Amino acid sequence: MLVSGVEEDYYLRKRKGELVEDALKPAEELLEEAVKEVTKSPVVEMPTMRSVVPKLEQHLIMDFPSAIKEVSRGKKIHKFEWEDKGYYGVLAEGRLKLHKPDGLLYDWILSDGDLVGTDWIVLS
């Protein structure tokens, strides 16, 4: 028969005549004590996206297909992970172009990150 360490200790103490009343507590009591101990621990608040990136509150955040619809309406789109607002996508000469901080427009070669990104905003 398999016994736990607590049960084994109980049986050894019983044989020696050293039976201690709380040497073998029912599993429910042990569980209750563990739950009480855990609930005493302070709860740690995790930062939310709202507190980490407060600038996003001013903009409607969208996925890439929604952002492309905005480009087709003549708007400039910007991926929030691009920290410099000098980077944005526009429709120029019938093609999707990327404006860079140097002021020039380049053919935009989309990356996987661009296509699956959900942090697109419209620049005003």
PDB file of N, CA and C in Angstrom:
ATOM      1  N   MET A   1       0.842  -1.180   0.000  1.00  0.00           N
ATOM      2  CA  MET A   1       0.000   0.000   0.000  1.00  0.00           C
ATOM      3  C   MET A   1       0.888   1.244   0.000  1.00  0.00           C
ATOM      4  N   LEU A   2       0.565   2.174  -0.900  1.00  0.00           N
ATOM      5  CA  LEU A   2       1.301   3.434  -0.967  1.00  0.00           C
ATOM      6  C   LEU A   2       0.721   4.412   0.036  1.00  0.00           C
ATOM      7  N   VAL A   3       1.605   5.100   0.743  1.00  0.00           N
ATOM      8  CA  VAL A   3       1.154   6.118   1.692  1.00  0.00           C
ATOM      9  C   VAL A   3       1.960   7.373   1.479  1.00  0.00           C
ATOM     10  N   SER A   4       1.356   8.505   1.826  1.00  0.00           N
ATOM     11  CA  SER A   4       2.070   9.766   1.674  1.00  0.00           C
ATOM     12  C   SER A   4       3.067   9.929   2.804  1.00  0.00           C
ATOM     13  N   GLY A   5       3.913  10.924   2.672  1.00  0.00           N
ATOM     14  CA  GLY A   5       4.908  11.203   3.707  1.00  0.00           C
ATOM     15  C   GLY A   5       4.271  11.523   5.043  1.00  0.00           C
ATOM     16  N   VAL A   6       3.144  12.247   5.012  1.00  0.00           N
ATOM     17  CA  VAL A   6       2.450  12.605   6.259  1.00  0.00           C
ATOM     18  C   VAL A   6       1.881  11.350   6.909  1.00  0.00           C
ATOM     19  N   GLU A   7       1.253  10.480   6.095  1.00  0.00           N
ATOM     20  CA  GLU A   7       0.689   9.244   6.643  1.00  0.00           C
ATOM     21  C   GLU A   7       1.794   8.354   7.208  1.00  0.00           C
ATOM     22  N   GLU A   8       2.891   8.283   6.489  1.00  0.00           N
ATOM     23  CA  GLU A   8       4.013   7.463   6.950  1.00  0.00           C
ATOM     24  C   GLU A   8       4.524   7.975   8.292  1.00  0.00           C
ATOM     25  N   ASP A   9       4.641   9.289   8.416  1.00  0.00           N
ATOM     26  CA  ASP A   9       5.083   9.903   9.668  1.00  0.00           C
ATOM     27  C   ASP A   9       4.095   9.568  10.787  1.00  0.00           C
ATOM     28  N   TYR A  10       2.806   9.607  10.469  1.00  0.00           N
ATOM     29  CA  TYR A  10       1.760   9.294  11.446  1.00  0.00           C
ATOM     30  C   TYR A  10       1.921   7.870  11.957  1.00  0.00           C
ATOM     31  N   TYR A  11       2.073   6.923  11.004  1.00  0.00           N
ATOM     32  CA  TYR A  11       2.184   5.526  11.410  1.00  0.00           C
ATOM     33  C   TYR A  11       3.449   5.270  12.221  1.00  0.00           C
ATOM     34  N   LEU A  12       4.549   5.901  11.856  1.00  0.00           N
ATOM     35  CA  LEU A  12       5.792   5.727  12.626  1.00  0.00           C
ATOM     36  C   LEU A  12       5.642   6.272  14.041  1.00  0.00           C
ATOM     37  N   ARG A  13       5.024   7.452  14.173  1.00  0.00           N
ATOM     38  CA  ARG A  13       4.822   8.039  15.504  1.00  0.00           C
ATOM     39  C   ARG A  13       3.850   7.196  16.338  1.00  0.00           C
ATOM     40  N   LYS A  14       2.835   6.621  15.657  1.00  0.00           N
ATOM     41  CA  LYS A  14       1.863   5.799  16.370  1.00  0.00           C
ATOM     42  C   LYS A  14       2.547   4.569  16.951  1.00  0.00           C
ATOM     43  N   ARG A  15       3.432   3.944  16.154  1.00  0.00           N
ATOM     44  CA  ARG A  15       4.169   2.761  16.630  1.00  0.00           C
ATOM     45  C   ARG A  15       5.047   3.096  17.828  1.00  0.00           C
ATOM     46  N   LYS A  16       5.649   4.269  17.795  1.00  0.00           N
ATOM     47  CA  LYS A  16       6.563   4.672  18.859  1.00  0.00           C
ATOM     48  C   LYS A  16       5.815   5.264  20.057  1.00  0.00           C
ATOM     49  N   GLY A  17       4.512   5.431  19.918  1.00  0.00           N
ATOM     50  CA  GLY A  17       3.748   6.008  21.019  1.00  0.00           C
ATOM     51  C   GLY A  17       3.830   7.526  21.055  1.00  0.00           C
ATOM     52  N   GLU A  18       4.288   8.131  19.982  1.00  0.00           N
ATOM     53  CA  GLU A  18       4.427   9.583  19.932  1.00  0.00           C
ATOM     54  C   GLU A  18       3.327  10.213  19.083  1.00  0.00           C
ATOM     55  N   LEU A  19       2.145   9.688  19.130  1.00  0.00           N
ATOM     56  CA  LEU A  19       1.076  10.182  18.270  1.00  0.00           C
ATOM     57  C   LEU A  19       0.773  11.639  18.577  1.00  0.00           C
ATOM     58  N   VAL A  20       0.931  12.428  17.599  1.00  0.00           N
ATOM     59  CA  VAL A  20       0.607  13.847  17.704  1.00  0.00           C
ATOM     60  C   VAL A  20      -0.722  14.024  16.995  1.00  0.00           C
ATOM     61  N   GLU A  21      -1.635  14.727  17.628  1.00  0.00           N
ATOM     62  CA  GLU A  21      -3.006  14.816  17.120  1.00  0.00           C
ATOM     63  C   GLU A  21      -3.097  15.330  15.683  1.00  0.00           C
ATOM     64  N   ASP A  22      -2.304  16.342  15.323  1.00  0.00           N
ATOM     65  CA  ASP A  22      -2.427  16.901  13.974  1.00  0.00           C
ATOM     66  C   ASP A  22      -1.413  16.312  12.991  1.00  0.00           C
ATOM     67  N   ALA A  23      -0.815  15.199  13.320  1.00  0.00           N
ATOM     68  CA  ALA A  23       0.168  14.606  12.413  1.00  0.00           C
ATOM     69  C   ALA A  23      -0.471  14.140  11.111  1.00  0.00           C
ATOM     70  N   LEU A  24      -1.719  13.766  11.157  1.00  0.00           N
ATOM     71  CA  LEU A  24      -2.411  13.339   9.943  1.00  0.00           C
ATOM     72  C   LEU A  24      -3.726  14.093   9.850  1.00  0.00           C
ATOM     73  N   LYS A  25      -3.725  15.153   9.072  1.00  0.00           N
ATOM     74  CA  LYS A  25      -4.943  15.938   8.863  1.00  0.00           C
ATOM     75  C   LYS A  25      -5.617  15.437   7.603  1.00  0.00           C
ATOM     76  N   PRO A  26      -6.922  15.493   7.580  1.00  0.00           N
ATOM     77  CA  PRO A  26      -7.606  15.123   6.327  1.00  0.00           C
ATOM     78  C   PRO A  26      -7.159  16.051   5.195  1.00  0.00           C
ATOM     79  N   ALA A  27      -7.174  15.542   3.988  1.00  0.00           N
ATOM     80  CA  ALA A  27      -6.730  16.302   2.813  1.00  0.00           C
ATOM     81  C   ALA A  27      -7.511  17.595   2.660  1.00  0.00           C
ATOM     82  N   GLU A  28      -8.800  17.597   3.009  1.00  0.00           N
ATOM     83  CA  GLU A  28      -9.605  18.810   2.870  1.00  0.00           C
ATOM     84  C   GLU A  28      -9.080  19.931   3.754  1.00  0.00           C
ATOM     85  N   GLU A  29      -8.678  19.578   4.999  1.00  0.00           N
ATOM     86  CA  GLU A  29      -8.146  20.598   5.905  1.00  0.00           C
ATOM     87  C   GLU A  29      -6.841  21.170   5.353  1.00  0.00           C
ATOM     88  N   LEU A  30      -5.982  20.300   4.839  1.00  0.00           N
ATOM     89  CA  LEU A  30      -4.722  20.762   4.268  1.00  0.00           C
ATOM     90  C   LEU A  30      -4.976  21.682   3.078  1.00  0.00           C
ATOM     91  N   LEU A  31      -5.942  21.319   2.248  1.00  0.00           N
ATOM     92  CA  LEU A  31      -6.291  22.136   1.092  1.00  0.00           C
ATOM     93  C   LEU A  31      -6.835  23.495   1.537  1.00  0.00           C
ATOM     94  N   GLU A  32      -7.707  23.507   2.530  1.00  0.00           N
ATOM     95  CA  GLU A  32      -8.258  24.765   3.035  1.00  0.00           C
ATOM     96  C   GLU A  32      -7.152  25.681   3.547  1.00  0.00           C
ATOM     97  N   GLU A  33      -6.197  25.110   4.282  1.00  0.00           N
ATOM     98  CA  GLU A  33      -5.081  25.906   4.783  1.00  0.00           C
ATOM     99  C   GLU A  33      -4.252  26.481   3.634  1.00  0.00           C
ATOM    100  N   ALA A  34      -4.019  25.667   2.601  1.00  0.00           N
ATOM    101  CA  ALA A  34      -3.234  26.131   1.455  1.00  0.00           C
ATOM    102  C   ALA A  34      -3.957  27.268   0.741  1.00  0.00           C
ATOM    103  N   VAL A  35      -5.270  27.136   0.572  1.00  0.00           N
ATOM    104  CA  VAL A  35      -6.050  28.185  -0.089  1.00  0.00           C
ATOM    105  C   VAL A  35      -6.004  29.465   0.732  1.00  0.00           C
ATOM    106  N   LYS A  36      -6.142  29.365   2.049  1.00  0.00           N
ATOM    107  CA  LYS A  36      -6.069  30.554   2.905  1.00  0.00           C
ATOM    108  C   LYS A  36      -4.711  31.232   2.776  1.00  0.00           C
ATOM    109  N   GLU A  37      -3.660  30.427   2.722  1.00  0.00           N
ATOM    110  CA  GLU A  37      -2.305  30.978   2.616  1.00  0.00           C
ATOM    111  C   GLU A  37      -2.111  31.695   1.286  1.00  0.00           C
ATOM    112  N   VAL A  38      -2.599  31.103   0.214  1.00  0.00           N
ATOM    113  CA  VAL A  38      -2.459  31.704  -1.109  1.00  0.00           C
ATOM    114  C   VAL A  38      -3.254  32.997  -1.206  1.00  0.00           C
ATOM    115  N   THR A  39      -4.445  33.022  -0.635  1.00  0.00           N
ATOM    116  CA  THR A  39      -5.275  34.226  -0.733  1.00  0.00           C
ATOM    117  C   THR A  39      -4.747  35.363   0.122  1.00  0.00           C
ATOM    118  N   LYS A  40      -3.830  35.094   1.029  1.00  0.00           N
ATOM    119  CA  LYS A  40      -3.196  36.159   1.798  1.00  0.00           C
ATOM    120  C   LYS A  40      -2.206  36.953   0.954  1.00  0.00           C
ATOM    121  N   SER A  41      -1.694  36.323  -0.103  1.00  0.00           N
ATOM    122  CA  SER A  41      -0.700  36.969  -0.954  1.00  0.00           C
ATOM    123  C   SER A  41      -1.308  38.183  -1.644  1.00  0.00           C
ATOM    124  N   PRO A  42      -0.521  39.269  -1.782  1.00  0.00           N
ATOM    125  CA  PRO A  42      -1.054  40.447  -2.466  1.00  0.00           C
ATOM    126  C   PRO A  42      -1.259  40.161  -3.953  1.00  0.00           C
ATOM    127  N   VAL A  43      -2.296  40.739  -4.503  1.00  0.00           N
ATOM    128  CA  VAL A  43      -2.586  40.594  -5.924  1.00  0.00           C
ATOM    129  C   VAL A  43      -1.756  41.611  -6.682  1.00  0.00           C
ATOM    130  N   VAL A  44      -1.053  41.163  -7.698  1.00  0.00           N
ATOM    131  CA  VAL A  44      -0.217  42.045  -8.498  1.00  0.00           C
ATOM    132  C   VAL A  44      -1.003  42.463  -9.729  1.00  0.00           C
ATOM    133  N   GLU A  45      -1.180  43.759  -9.903  1.00  0.00           N
ATOM    134  CA  GLU A  45      -1.896  44.276 -11.070  1.00  0.00           C
ATOM    135  C   GLU A  45      -0.961  44.243 -12.273  1.00  0.00           C
ATOM    136  N   MET A  46      -1.443  43.681 -13.372  1.00  0.00           N
ATOM    137  CA  MET A  46      -0.673  43.644 -14.606  1.00  0.00           C
ATOM    138  C   MET A  46      -1.001  44.894 -15.417  1.00  0.00           C
ATOM    139  N   PRO A  47       0.003  45.508 -16.059  1.00  0.00           N
ATOM    140  CA  PRO A  47      -0.298  46.689 -16.872  1.00  0.00           C
ATOM    141  C   PRO A  47      -1.160  46.304 -18.064  1.00  0.00           C
ATOM    142  N   THR A  48      -2.045  47.191 -18.441  1.00  0.00           N
ATOM    143  CA  THR A  48      -2.894  46.935 -19.594  1.00  0.00           C
ATOM    144  C   THR A  48      -2.337  47.689 -20.783  1.00  0.00           C
ATOM    145  N   MET A  49      -2.803  47.338 -21.967  1.00  0.00           N
ATOM    146  CA  MET A  49      -2.360  48.050 -23.169  1.00  0.00           C
ATOM    147  C   MET A  49      -2.671  49.537 -23.054  1.00  0.00           C
ATOM    148  N   ARG A  50      -3.782  49.877 -22.404  1.00  0.00           N
ATOM    149  CA  ARG A  50      -4.167  51.269 -22.282  1.00  0.00           C
ATOM    150  C   ARG A  50      -3.126  52.056 -21.483  1.00  0.00           C
ATOM    151  N   SER A  51      -2.569  51.431 -20.426  1.00  0.00           N
ATOM    152  CA  SER A  51      -1.582  52.154 -19.630  1.00  0.00           C
ATOM    153  C   SER A  51      -0.198  52.134 -20.278  1.00  0.00           C
ATOM    154  N   VAL A  52       0.098  51.087 -21.032  1.00  0.00           N
ATOM    155  CA  VAL A  52       1.406  50.981 -21.665  1.00  0.00           C
ATOM    156  C   VAL A  52       1.489  51.874 -22.901  1.00  0.00           C
ATOM    157  N   VAL A  53       0.420  51.945 -23.669  1.00  0.00           N
ATOM    158  CA  VAL A  53       0.428  52.712 -24.909  1.00  0.00           C
ATOM    159  C   VAL A  53      -0.737  53.711 -24.902  1.00  0.00           C
ATOM    160  N   PRO A  54      -0.639  54.772 -24.123  1.00  0.00           N
ATOM    161  CA  PRO A  54      -1.758  55.696 -24.021  1.00  0.00           C
ATOM    162  C   PRO A  54      -2.057  56.445 -25.311  1.00  0.00           C
ATOM    163  N   LYS A  55      -1.086  56.576 -26.223  1.00  0.00           N
ATOM    164  CA  LYS A  55      -1.302  57.326 -27.464  1.00  0.00           C
ATOM    165  C   LYS A  55      -2.370  56.685 -28.331  1.00  0.00           C
ATOM    166  N   LEU A  56      -2.593  55.392 -28.188  1.00  0.00           N
ATOM    167  CA  LEU A  56      -3.564  54.708 -29.032  1.00  0.00           C
ATOM    168  C   LEU A  56      -4.995  55.156 -28.731  1.00  0.00           C
ATOM    169  N   GLU A  57      -5.237  55.727 -27.555  1.00  0.00           N
ATOM    170  CA  GLU A  57      -6.585  56.138 -27.199  1.00  0.00           C
ATOM    171  C   GLU A  57      -7.124  57.202 -28.151  1.00  0.00           C
ATOM    172  N   GLN A  58      -6.260  58.006 -28.759  1.00  0.00           N
ATOM    173  CA  GLN A  58      -6.700  59.085 -29.637  1.00  0.00           C
ATOM    174  C   GLN A  58      -7.100  58.588 -31.022  1.00  0.00           C
ATOM    175  N   HIS A  59      -6.765  57.372 -31.366  1.00  0.00           N
ATOM    176  CA  HIS A  59      -6.957  56.864 -32.726  1.00  0.00           C
ATOM    177  C   HIS A  59      -7.820  55.618 -32.736  1.00  0.00           C
ATOM    178  N   LEU A  60      -8.492  55.432 -33.849  1.00  0.00           N
ATOM    179  CA  LEU A  60      -9.200  54.192 -34.081  1.00  0.00           C
ATOM    180  C   LEU A  60      -8.162  53.174 -34.560  1.00  0.00           C
ATOM    181  N   ILE A  61      -8.042  52.077 -33.856  1.00  0.00           N
ATOM    182  CA  ILE A  61      -7.057  51.045 -34.202  1.00  0.00           C
ATOM    183  C   ILE A  61      -7.746  50.031 -35.108  1.00  0.00           C
ATOM    184  N   MET A  62      -7.063  49.622 -36.164  1.00  0.00           N
ATOM    185  CA  MET A  62      -7.695  48.709 -37.126  1.00  0.00           C
ATOM    186  C   MET A  62      -6.703  47.687 -37.659  1.00  0.00           C
ATOM    187  N   ASP A  63      -7.244  46.691 -38.357  1.00  0.00           N
ATOM    188  CA  ASP A  63      -6.401  45.705 -39.013  1.00  0.00           C
ATOM    189  C   ASP A  63      -6.034  46.225 -40.413  1.00  0.00           C
ATOM    190  N   PHE A  64      -5.184  45.475 -41.116  1.00  0.00           N
ATOM    191  CA  PHE A  64      -4.685  45.945 -42.404  1.00  0.00           C
ATOM    192  C   PHE A  64      -5.785  46.110 -43.463  1.00  0.00           C
ATOM    193  N   PRO A  65      -6.698  45.139 -43.618  1.00  0.00           N
ATOM    194  CA  PRO A  65      -7.747  45.349 -44.626  1.00  0.00           C
ATOM    195  C   PRO A  65      -8.568  46.625 -44.384  1.00  0.00           C
ATOM    196  N   SER A  66      -8.859  46.918 -43.130  1.00  0.00           N
ATOM    197  CA  SER A  66      -9.600  48.149 -42.812  1.00  0.00           C
ATOM    198  C   SER A  66      -8.755  49.378 -43.130  1.00  0.00           C
ATOM    199  N   ALA A  67      -7.453  49.293 -42.838  1.00  0.00           N
ATOM    200  CA  ALA A  67      -6.559  50.419 -43.121  1.00  0.00           C
ATOM    201  C   ALA A  67      -6.457  50.675 -44.624  1.00  0.00           C
ATOM    202  N   ILE A  68      -6.432  49.620 -45.419  1.00  0.00           N
ATOM    203  CA  ILE A  68      -6.352  49.781 -46.887  1.00  0.00           C
ATOM    204  C   ILE A  68      -7.611  50.468 -47.413  1.00  0.00           C
ATOM    205  N   LYS A  69      -8.759  50.172 -46.814  1.00  0.00           N
ATOM    206  CA  LYS A  69      -9.991  50.872 -47.214  1.00  0.00           C
ATOM    207  C   LYS A  69      -9.841  52.374 -47.002  1.00  0.00           C
ATOM    208  N   GLU A  70      -9.190  52.732 -45.900  1.00  0.00           N
ATOM    209  CA  GLU A  70      -8.970  54.156 -45.615  1.00  0.00           C
ATOM    210  C   GLU A  70      -8.017  54.774 -46.634  1.00  0.00           C
ATOM    211  N   VAL A  71      -7.002  54.031 -47.038  1.00  0.00           N
ATOM    212  CA  VAL A  71      -6.064  54.514 -48.059  1.00  0.00           C
ATOM    213  C   VAL A  71      -6.814  54.764 -49.366  1.00  0.00           C
ATOM    214  N   SER A  72      -7.728  53.864 -49.703  1.00  0.00           N
ATOM    215  CA  SER A  72      -8.485  54.037 -50.947  1.00  0.00           C
ATOM    216  C   SER A  72      -9.390  55.271 -50.901  1.00  0.00           C
ATOM    217  N   ARG A  73      -9.660  55.763 -49.700  1.00  0.00           N
ATOM    218  CA  ARG A  73     -10.451  56.989 -49.533  1.00  0.00           C
ATOM    219  C   ARG A  73      -9.560  58.238 -49.467  1.00  0.00           C
ATOM    220  N   GLY A  74      -8.252  58.039 -49.705  1.00  0.00           N
ATOM    221  CA  GLY A  74      -7.328  59.163 -49.731  1.00  0.00           C
ATOM    222  C   GLY A  74      -6.664  59.483 -48.403  1.00  0.00           C
ATOM    223  N   LYS A  75      -6.794  58.598 -47.422  1.00  0.00           N
ATOM    224  CA  LYS A  75      -6.198  58.835 -46.098  1.00  0.00           C
ATOM    225  C   LYS A  75      -4.781  58.269 -46.029  1.00  0.00           C
ATOM    226  N   LYS A  76      -4.026  58.741 -45.030  1.00  0.00           N
ATOM    227  CA  LYS A  76      -2.684  58.229 -44.746  1.00  0.00           C
ATOM    228  C   LYS A  76      -2.807  57.233 -43.599  1.00  0.00           C
ATOM    229  N   ILE A  77      -2.150  56.066 -43.729  1.00  0.00           N
ATOM    230  CA  ILE A  77      -2.180  55.078 -42.650  1.00  0.00           C
ATOM    231  C   ILE A  77      -0.782  54.896 -42.066  1.00  0.00           C
ATOM    232  N   HIS A  78      -0.771  54.591 -40.801  1.00  0.00           N
ATOM    233  CA  HIS A  78       0.482  54.464 -40.062  1.00  0.00           C
ATOM    234  C   HIS A  78       0.364  53.252 -39.141  1.00  0.00           C
ATOM    235  N   LYS A  79       1.418  52.447 -39.105  1.00  0.00           N
ATOM    236  CA  LYS A  79       1.464  51.302 -38.190  1.00  0.00           C
ATOM    237  C   LYS A  79       2.036  51.801 -36.875  1.00  0.00           C
ATOM    238  N   PHE A  80       1.333  51.553 -35.788  1.00  0.00           N
ATOM    239  CA  PHE A  80       1.727  52.148 -34.515  1.00  0.00           C
ATOM    240  C   PHE A  80       3.138  51.748 -34.091  1.00  0.00           C
ATOM    241  N   GLU A  81       3.591  50.571 -34.479  1.00  0.00           N
ATOM    242  CA  GLU A  81       4.943  50.152 -34.085  1.00  0.00           C
ATOM    243  C   GLU A  81       6.023  51.003 -34.765  1.00  0.00           C
ATOM    244  N   TRP A  82       5.659  51.714 -35.845  1.00  0.00           N
ATOM    245  CA  TRP A  82       6.606  52.652 -36.455  1.00  0.00           C
ATOM    246  C   TRP A  82       6.568  53.910 -35.593  1.00  0.00           C
ATOM    247  N   GLU A  83       7.572  54.112 -34.799  1.00  0.00           N
ATOM    248  CA  GLU A  83       7.538  55.225 -33.848  1.00  0.00           C
ATOM    249  C   GLU A  83       7.562  56.589 -34.529  1.00  0.00           C
ATOM    250  N   ASP A  84       8.183  56.697 -35.686  1.00  0.00           N
ATOM    251  CA  ASP A  84       8.281  57.978 -36.390  1.00  0.00           C
ATOM    252  C   ASP A  84       7.056  58.168 -37.270  1.00  0.00           C
ATOM    253  N   LYS A  85       6.290  59.228 -37.011  1.00  0.00           N
ATOM    254  CA  LYS A  85       5.078  59.492 -37.804  1.00  0.00           C
ATOM    255  C   LYS A  85       5.413  59.912 -39.230  1.00  0.00           C
ATOM    256  N   GLY A  86       6.703  60.025 -39.557  1.00  0.00           N
ATOM    257  CA  GLY A  86       7.115  60.320 -40.916  1.00  0.00           C
ATOM    258  C   GLY A  86       6.950  59.127 -41.845  1.00  0.00           C
ATOM    259  N   TYR A  87       6.704  57.948 -41.249  1.00  0.00           N
ATOM    260  CA  TYR A  87       6.422  56.743 -42.043  1.00  0.00           C
ATOM    261  C   TYR A  87       4.910  56.588 -42.127  1.00  0.00           C
ATOM    262  N   TYR A  88       4.385  56.560 -43.336  1.00  0.00           N
ATOM    263  CA  TYR A  88       2.963  56.280 -43.512  1.00  0.00           C
ATOM    264  C   TYR A  88       2.707  55.805 -44.930  1.00  0.00           C
ATOM    265  N   GLY A  89       1.610  55.090 -45.081  1.00  0.00           N
ATOM    266  CA  GLY A  89       1.229  54.582 -46.387  1.00  0.00           C
ATOM    267  C   GLY A  89       0.175  55.465 -47.023  1.00  0.00           C
ATOM    268  N   VAL A  90       0.283  55.645 -48.335  1.00  0.00           N
ATOM    269  CA  VAL A  90      -0.684  56.436 -49.104  1.00  0.00           C
ATOM    270  C   VAL A  90      -0.870  55.794 -50.473  1.00  0.00           C
ATOM    271  N   LEU A  91      -1.920  56.239 -51.157  1.00  0.00           N
ATOM    272  CA  LEU A  91      -2.135  55.827 -52.527  1.00  0.00           C
ATOM    273  C   LEU A  91      -1.672  56.981 -53.413  1.00  0.00           C
ATOM    274  N   ALA A  92      -0.658  56.736 -54.239  1.00  0.00           N
ATOM    275  CA  ALA A  92      -0.124  57.778 -55.127  1.00  0.00           C
ATOM    276  C   ALA A  92       0.176  57.149 -56.481  1.00  0.00           C
ATOM    277  N   GLU A  93      -0.190  57.843 -57.516  1.00  0.00           N
ATOM    278  CA  GLU A  93       0.031  57.342 -58.875  1.00  0.00           C
ATOM    279  C   GLU A  93      -0.613  55.971 -59.082  1.00  0.00           C
ATOM    280  N   GLY A  94      -1.740  55.742 -58.408  1.00  0.00           N
ATOM    281  CA  GLY A  94      -2.449  54.475 -58.537  1.00  0.00           C
ATOM    282  C   GLY A  94      -1.777  53.300 -57.857  1.00  0.00           C
ATOM    283  N   ARG A  95      -0.753  53.565 -57.055  1.00  0.00           N
ATOM    284  CA  ARG A  95      -0.022  52.479 -56.382  1.00  0.00           C
ATOM    285  C   ARG A  95       0.079  52.770 -54.898  1.00  0.00           C
ATOM    286  N   LEU A  96       0.242  51.704 -54.144  1.00  0.00           N
ATOM    287  CA  LEU A  96       0.442  51.846 -52.709  1.00  0.00           C
ATOM    288  C   LEU A  96       1.885  52.295 -52.487  1.00  0.00           C
ATOM    289  N   LYS A  97       2.048  53.423 -51.816  1.00  0.00           N
ATOM    290  CA  LYS A  97       3.383  53.992 -51.593  1.00  0.00           C
ATOM    291  C   LYS A  97       3.633  54.151 -50.099  1.00  0.00           C
ATOM    292  N   LEU A  98       4.906  54.134 -49.751  1.00  0.00           N
ATOM    293  CA  LEU A  98       5.329  54.359 -48.379  1.00  0.00           C
ATOM    294  C   LEU A  98       6.087  55.671 -48.324  1.00  0.00           C
ATOM    295  N   HIS A  99       5.567  56.593 -47.542  1.00  0.00           N
ATOM    296  CA  HIS A  99       6.250  57.864 -47.326  1.00  0.00           C
ATOM    297  C   HIS A  99       7.234  57.654 -46.180  1.00  0.00           C
ATOM    298  N   LYS A 100       8.466  58.119 -46.379  1.00  0.00           N
ATOM    299  CA  LYS A 100       9.490  57.978 -45.338  1.00  0.00           C
ATOM    300  C   LYS A 100       9.879  59.366 -44.832  1.00  0.00           C
ATOM    301  N   PRO A 101      10.534  59.440 -43.668  1.00  0.00           N
ATOM    302  CA  PRO A 101      10.885  60.732 -43.086  1.00  0.00           C
ATOM    303  C   PRO A 101      11.733  61.634 -43.995  1.00  0.00           C
ATOM    304  N   ASP A 102      12.368  61.071 -45.009  1.00  0.00           N
ATOM    305  CA  ASP A 102      13.158  61.912 -45.925  1.00  0.00           C
ATOM    306  C   ASP A 102      12.268  62.707 -46.877  1.00  0.00           C
ATOM    307  N   GLY A 103      10.934  62.477 -46.787  1.00  0.00           N
ATOM    308  CA  GLY A 103       9.991  63.222 -47.606  1.00  0.00           C
ATOM    309  C   GLY A 103       9.683  62.592 -48.950  1.00  0.00           C
ATOM    310  N   LEU A 104      10.312  61.478 -49.271  1.00  0.00           N
ATOM    311  CA  LEU A 104      10.104  60.817 -50.566  1.00  0.00           C
ATOM    312  C   LEU A 104       9.112  59.667 -50.440  1.00  0.00           C
ATOM    313  N   LEU A 105       8.467  59.333 -51.558  1.00  0.00           N
ATOM    314  CA  LEU A 105       7.562  58.192 -51.621  1.00  0.00           C
ATOM    315  C   LEU A 105       8.266  57.024 -52.292  1.00  0.00           C
ATOM    316  N   TYR A 106       8.085  55.843 -51.719  1.00  0.00           N
ATOM    317  CA  TYR A 106       8.713  54.625 -52.233  1.00  0.00           C
ATOM    318  C   TYR A 106       7.616  53.600 -52.499  1.00  0.00           C
ATOM    319  N   ASP A 107       7.855  52.696 -53.469  1.00  0.00           N
ATOM    320  CA  ASP A 107       6.933  51.580 -53.640  1.00  0.00           C
ATOM    321  C   ASP A 107       6.943  50.786 -52.333  1.00  0.00           C
ATOM    322  N   TRP A 108       5.766  50.491 -51.856  1.00  0.00           N
ATOM    323  CA  TRP A 108       5.659  49.808 -50.569  1.00  0.00           C
ATOM    324  C   TRP A 108       5.669  48.311 -50.798  1.00  0.00           C
ATOM    325  N   ILE A 109       6.703  47.643 -50.316  1.00  0.00           N
ATOM    326  CA  ILE A 109       6.784  46.183 -50.364  1.00  0.00           C
ATOM    327  C   ILE A 109       6.281  45.702 -49.010  1.00  0.00           C
ATOM    328  N   LEU A 110       5.082  45.166 -49.004  1.00  0.00           N
ATOM    329  CA  LEU A 110       4.432  44.766 -47.752  1.00  0.00           C
ATOM    330  C   LEU A 110       5.128  43.569 -47.116  1.00  0.00           C
ATOM    331  N   SER A 111       5.238  43.604 -45.809  1.00  0.00           N
ATOM    332  CA  SER A 111       5.803  42.468 -45.066  1.00  0.00           C
ATOM    333  C   SER A 111       4.651  41.671 -44.457  1.00  0.00           C
ATOM    334  N   ASP A 112       4.968  40.486 -43.966  1.00  0.00           N
ATOM    335  CA  ASP A 112       3.961  39.695 -43.266  1.00  0.00           C
ATOM    336  C   ASP A 112       3.431  40.468 -42.065  1.00  0.00           C
ATOM    337  N   GLY A 113       4.324  41.163 -41.363  1.00  0.00           N
ATOM    338  CA  GLY A 113       3.915  41.954 -40.206  1.00  0.00           C
ATOM    339  C   GLY A 113       2.925  43.044 -40.574  1.00  0.00           C
ATOM    340  N   ASP A 114       3.127  43.650 -41.762  1.00  0.00           N
ATOM    341  CA  ASP A 114       2.179  44.665 -42.237  1.00  0.00           C
ATOM    342  C   ASP A 114       0.804  44.036 -42.462  1.00  0.00           C
ATOM    343  N   LEU A 115       0.793  42.886 -43.094  1.00  0.00           N
ATOM    344  CA  LEU A 115      -0.471  42.244 -43.475  1.00  0.00           C
ATOM    345  C   LEU A 115      -1.271  41.722 -42.287  1.00  0.00           C
ATOM    346  N   VAL A 116      -0.605  41.215 -41.281  1.00  0.00           N
ATOM    347  CA  VAL A 116      -1.315  40.654 -40.135  1.00  0.00           C
ATOM    348  C   VAL A 116      -1.421  41.621 -38.954  1.00  0.00           C
ATOM    349  N   GLY A 117      -0.815  42.791 -39.094  1.00  0.00           N
ATOM    350  CA  GLY A 117      -0.837  43.768 -38.006  1.00  0.00           C
ATOM    351  C   GLY A 117      -2.232  44.252 -37.681  1.00  0.00           C
ATOM    352  N   THR A 118      -2.470  44.481 -36.415  1.00  0.00           N
ATOM    353  CA  THR A 118      -3.761  45.003 -35.960  1.00  0.00           C
ATOM    354  C   THR A 118      -3.586  46.334 -35.243  1.00  0.00           C
ATOM    355  N   ASP A 119      -2.497  47.037 -35.557  1.00  0.00           N
ATOM    356  CA  ASP A 119      -2.220  48.304 -34.882  1.00  0.00           C
ATOM    357  C   ASP A 119      -2.142  49.459 -35.880  1.00  0.00           C
ATOM    358  N   TRP A 120      -2.981  49.428 -36.905  1.00  0.00           N
ATOM    359  CA  TRP A 120      -2.985  50.478 -37.929  1.00  0.00           C
ATOM    360  C   TRP A 120      -3.877  51.627 -37.477  1.00  0.00           C
ATOM    361  N   ILE A 121      -3.427  52.865 -37.748  1.00  0.00           N
ATOM    362  CA  ILE A 121      -4.209  54.041 -37.434  1.00  0.00           C
ATOM    363  C   ILE A 121      -4.230  54.954 -38.651  1.00  0.00           C
ATOM    364  N   VAL A 122      -5.197  55.843 -38.702  1.00  0.00           N
ATOM    365  CA  VAL A 122      -5.282  56.840 -39.765  1.00  0.00           C
ATOM    366  C   VAL A 122      -4.675  58.125 -39.227  1.00  0.00           C
ATOM    367  N   LEU A 123      -3.754  58.703 -39.984  1.00  0.00           N
ATOM    368  CA  LEU A 123      -3.169  59.986 -39.592  1.00  0.00           C
ATOM    369  C   LEU A 123      -4.051  61.111 -40.115  1.00  0.00           C
ATOM    370  N   SER A 124      -4.172  62.157 -39.314  1.00  0.00           N
ATOM    371  CA  SER A 124      -4.999  63.287 -39.769  1.00  0.00           C
ATOM    372  C   SER A 124      -4.152  64.324 -40.470  1.00  0.00           C
TER     373      SER A 124
END
